[in-house]
């Protein structure tokens, strides 16, 4: 995937995530992580806003795993 395609894909995902519900955020988290991984593999600069978004999505995913644990 070319650099411009990676940035376009990242922008498309960011748009989908704006104002999205938790279910949508959890569904899109793996895609965001994959785009960032591809950027890193190709030596492309990963914008800090995208790294922060990925971190927040990963945190949401981890918290969702623990929401259903019995106490």
N, C-alpha and C. Protein backbone atom coordinates (compact mmCIF):
# COMPACT_ATOMS: atom_id res chain seq x y z
N UNK A 1 0.85 -1.17 0.00
CA UNK A 1 0.00 0.00 0.00
C UNK A 1 0.90 1.24 0.00
N UNK A 2 0.59 2.20 -0.84
CA UNK A 2 1.42 3.39 -0.94
C UNK A 2 1.19 4.31 0.26
N UNK A 3 2.10 5.26 0.42
CA UNK A 3 2.02 6.20 1.54
C UNK A 3 0.71 6.98 1.51
N UNK A 4 0.34 7.46 0.33
CA UNK A 4 -0.90 8.24 0.24
C UNK A 4 -2.12 7.37 0.55
N UNK A 5 -2.08 6.10 0.15
CA UNK A 5 -3.18 5.20 0.47
C UNK A 5 -3.27 4.96 1.97
N UNK A 6 -2.13 4.83 2.63
CA UNK A 6 -2.12 4.63 4.08
C UNK A 6 -2.71 5.83 4.80
N UNK A 7 -2.30 7.03 4.39
CA UNK A 7 -2.84 8.24 5.00
C UNK A 7 -4.34 8.38 4.71
N UNK A 8 -4.76 8.02 3.51
CA UNK A 8 -6.19 8.08 3.16
C UNK A 8 -7.00 7.10 4.00
N UNK A 9 -6.48 5.90 4.16
CA UNK A 9 -7.16 4.89 4.97
C UNK A 9 -7.26 5.35 6.43
N UNK A 10 -6.18 5.92 6.94
CA UNK A 10 -6.19 6.43 8.31
C UNK A 10 -7.22 7.55 8.47
N UNK A 11 -7.28 8.44 7.50
CA UNK A 11 -8.24 9.55 7.55
C UNK A 11 -9.68 9.02 7.48
N UNK A 12 -9.90 8.01 6.66
CA UNK A 12 -11.24 7.42 6.54
C UNK A 12 -11.66 6.80 7.87
N UNK A 13 -10.75 6.11 8.51
CA UNK A 13 -11.05 5.50 9.81
C UNK A 13 -11.31 6.57 10.87
N UNK A 14 -10.51 7.64 10.86
CA UNK A 14 -10.71 8.74 11.82
C UNK A 14 -12.10 9.35 11.67
N UNK A 15 -12.54 9.52 10.41
CA UNK A 15 -13.86 10.09 10.16
C UNK A 15 -14.96 9.19 10.71
N UNK A 16 -14.81 7.89 10.48
CA UNK A 16 -15.81 6.94 10.97
C UNK A 16 -15.87 6.93 12.50
N UNK A 17 -14.73 7.17 13.14
CA UNK A 17 -14.66 7.09 14.60
C UNK A 17 -15.17 8.35 15.30
N UNK A 18 -15.23 9.46 14.59
CA UNK A 18 -15.68 10.71 15.22
C UNK A 18 -17.14 10.57 15.64
N UNK A 19 -17.35 10.66 16.94
CA UNK A 19 -18.70 10.58 17.48
C UNK A 19 -19.30 9.18 17.45
N UNK A 20 -18.48 8.17 17.18
CA UNK A 20 -18.97 6.80 17.08
C UNK A 20 -19.26 6.23 18.46
N UNK A 21 -20.19 5.29 18.49
CA UNK A 21 -20.52 4.61 19.74
C UNK A 21 -19.40 3.62 20.09
N UNK A 22 -19.44 3.10 21.29
CA UNK A 22 -18.41 2.18 21.77
C UNK A 22 -18.32 0.94 20.88
N UNK A 23 -19.45 0.42 20.47
CA UNK A 23 -19.47 -0.78 19.62
C UNK A 23 -18.71 -0.56 18.32
N UNK A 24 -18.92 0.58 17.69
CA UNK A 24 -18.22 0.92 16.45
C UNK A 24 -16.74 1.11 16.71
N UNK A 25 -16.41 1.79 17.80
CA UNK A 25 -15.01 2.01 18.15
C UNK A 25 -14.29 0.68 18.34
N UNK A 26 -14.93 -0.25 19.03
CA UNK A 26 -14.33 -1.56 19.26
C UNK A 26 -14.17 -2.33 17.95
N UNK A 27 -15.13 -2.18 17.04
CA UNK A 27 -15.07 -2.89 15.76
C UNK A 27 -13.95 -2.35 14.87
N UNK A 28 -13.69 -1.04 14.95
CA UNK A 28 -12.69 -0.42 14.08
C UNK A 28 -11.27 -0.43 14.66
N UNK A 29 -11.14 -0.72 15.94
CA UNK A 29 -9.82 -0.69 16.59
C UNK A 29 -8.79 -1.55 15.87
N UNK A 30 -9.09 -2.81 15.49
CA UNK A 30 -8.06 -3.61 14.79
C UNK A 30 -7.62 -2.98 13.47
N UNK A 31 -8.53 -2.33 12.77
CA UNK A 31 -8.18 -1.70 11.50
C UNK A 31 -7.21 -0.54 11.70
N UNK A 32 -7.44 0.25 12.74
CA UNK A 32 -6.55 1.37 13.04
C UNK A 32 -5.16 0.85 13.38
N UNK A 33 -5.10 -0.17 14.21
CA UNK A 33 -3.82 -0.75 14.59
C UNK A 33 -3.08 -1.30 13.36
N UNK A 34 -3.80 -1.94 12.46
CA UNK A 34 -3.17 -2.50 11.24
C UNK A 34 -2.59 -1.39 10.36
N UNK A 35 -3.33 -0.31 10.21
CA UNK A 35 -2.84 0.80 9.38
C UNK A 35 -1.56 1.38 9.99
N UNK A 36 -1.56 1.55 11.31
CA UNK A 36 -0.36 2.08 11.97
C UNK A 36 0.81 1.11 11.82
N UNK A 37 0.54 -0.18 11.97
CA UNK A 37 1.60 -1.18 11.80
C UNK A 37 2.18 -1.13 10.38
N UNK A 38 1.31 -1.00 9.38
CA UNK A 38 1.78 -0.90 7.98
C UNK A 38 2.61 0.36 7.78
N UNK A 39 2.18 1.47 8.39
CA UNK A 39 2.94 2.73 8.28
C UNK A 39 4.34 2.54 8.85
N UNK A 40 4.41 1.92 10.02
CA UNK A 40 5.72 1.70 10.65
C UNK A 40 6.59 0.77 9.82
N UNK A 41 6.01 -0.29 9.27
CA UNK A 41 6.77 -1.24 8.45
C UNK A 41 7.35 -0.57 7.22
N UNK A 42 6.61 0.39 6.66
CA UNK A 42 7.06 1.07 5.44
C UNK A 42 7.90 2.31 5.74
N UNK A 43 8.11 2.58 7.02
CA UNK A 43 8.93 3.73 7.38
C UNK A 43 8.22 5.06 7.22
N UNK A 44 6.90 5.03 7.23
CA UNK A 44 6.10 6.24 7.07
C UNK A 44 5.88 6.87 8.44
N UNK A 45 5.92 8.20 8.50
CA UNK A 45 5.67 8.92 9.75
C UNK A 45 4.24 8.67 10.20
N UNK A 46 4.07 8.26 11.46
CA UNK A 46 2.74 8.05 12.04
C UNK A 46 2.40 9.30 12.85
N UNK A 47 1.37 10.04 12.42
CA UNK A 47 1.01 11.26 13.15
C UNK A 47 0.66 10.96 14.61
N UNK A 48 1.00 11.89 15.49
CA UNK A 48 0.75 11.68 16.92
C UNK A 48 -0.73 11.53 17.22
N UNK A 49 -1.58 12.23 16.49
CA UNK A 49 -3.02 12.11 16.73
C UNK A 49 -3.50 10.69 16.44
N UNK A 50 -2.89 10.04 15.46
CA UNK A 50 -3.25 8.67 15.12
C UNK A 50 -2.75 7.70 16.19
N UNK A 51 -1.56 7.96 16.73
CA UNK A 51 -1.04 7.13 17.82
C UNK A 51 -1.91 7.27 19.07
N UNK A 52 -2.34 8.50 19.36
CA UNK A 52 -3.21 8.72 20.51
C UNK A 52 -4.57 8.04 20.32
N UNK A 53 -5.10 8.12 19.10
CA UNK A 53 -6.37 7.47 18.79
C UNK A 53 -6.26 5.96 18.99
N UNK A 54 -5.19 5.38 18.50
CA UNK A 54 -4.97 3.94 18.64
C UNK A 54 -4.87 3.55 20.11
N UNK A 55 -4.15 4.35 20.89
CA UNK A 55 -4.00 4.07 22.32
C UNK A 55 -5.36 4.13 23.02
N UNK A 56 -6.17 5.11 22.67
CA UNK A 56 -7.49 5.24 23.29
C UNK A 56 -8.39 4.06 22.89
N UNK A 57 -8.31 3.64 21.63
CA UNK A 57 -9.12 2.52 21.18
C UNK A 57 -8.69 1.22 21.86
N UNK A 58 -7.39 1.04 22.02
CA UNK A 58 -6.88 -0.16 22.71
C UNK A 58 -7.34 -0.16 24.16
N UNK A 59 -7.33 1.01 24.78
CA UNK A 59 -7.81 1.13 26.16
C UNK A 59 -9.29 0.79 26.25
N UNK A 60 -10.08 1.29 25.29
CA UNK A 60 -11.51 0.96 25.26
C UNK A 60 -11.72 -0.55 25.13
N UNK A 61 -10.92 -1.19 24.29
CA UNK A 61 -11.05 -2.63 24.08
C UNK A 61 -10.71 -3.40 25.35
N UNK A 62 -9.66 -2.98 26.04
CA UNK A 62 -9.29 -3.66 27.29
C UNK A 62 -10.36 -3.47 28.36
N UNK A 63 -10.88 -2.27 28.47
CA UNK A 63 -11.93 -2.02 29.46
C UNK A 63 -13.17 -2.82 29.15
N UNK A 64 -13.51 -2.97 27.89
CA UNK A 64 -14.70 -3.73 27.49
C UNK A 64 -14.57 -5.19 27.88
N UNK A 65 -13.35 -5.73 27.87
CA UNK A 65 -13.14 -7.12 28.27
C UNK A 65 -13.47 -7.32 29.75
N UNK A 66 -13.23 -6.32 30.57
CA UNK A 66 -13.43 -6.45 32.00
C UNK A 66 -14.83 -6.03 32.46
N UNK A 67 -15.61 -5.42 31.58
CA UNK A 67 -16.95 -4.98 31.94
C UNK A 67 -17.87 -6.15 32.26
N UNK A 68 -17.61 -7.31 31.68
CA UNK A 68 -18.50 -8.44 31.85
C UNK A 68 -18.04 -9.45 32.88
N UNK A 69 -17.00 -9.13 33.63
CA UNK A 69 -16.51 -10.06 34.63
C UNK A 69 -17.40 -10.01 35.87
N UNK A 70 -17.75 -11.17 36.40
CA UNK A 70 -18.54 -11.17 37.64
C UNK A 70 -17.69 -10.72 38.82
N UNK A 71 -18.35 -10.06 39.75
CA UNK A 71 -17.63 -9.56 40.92
C UNK A 71 -17.95 -10.44 42.11
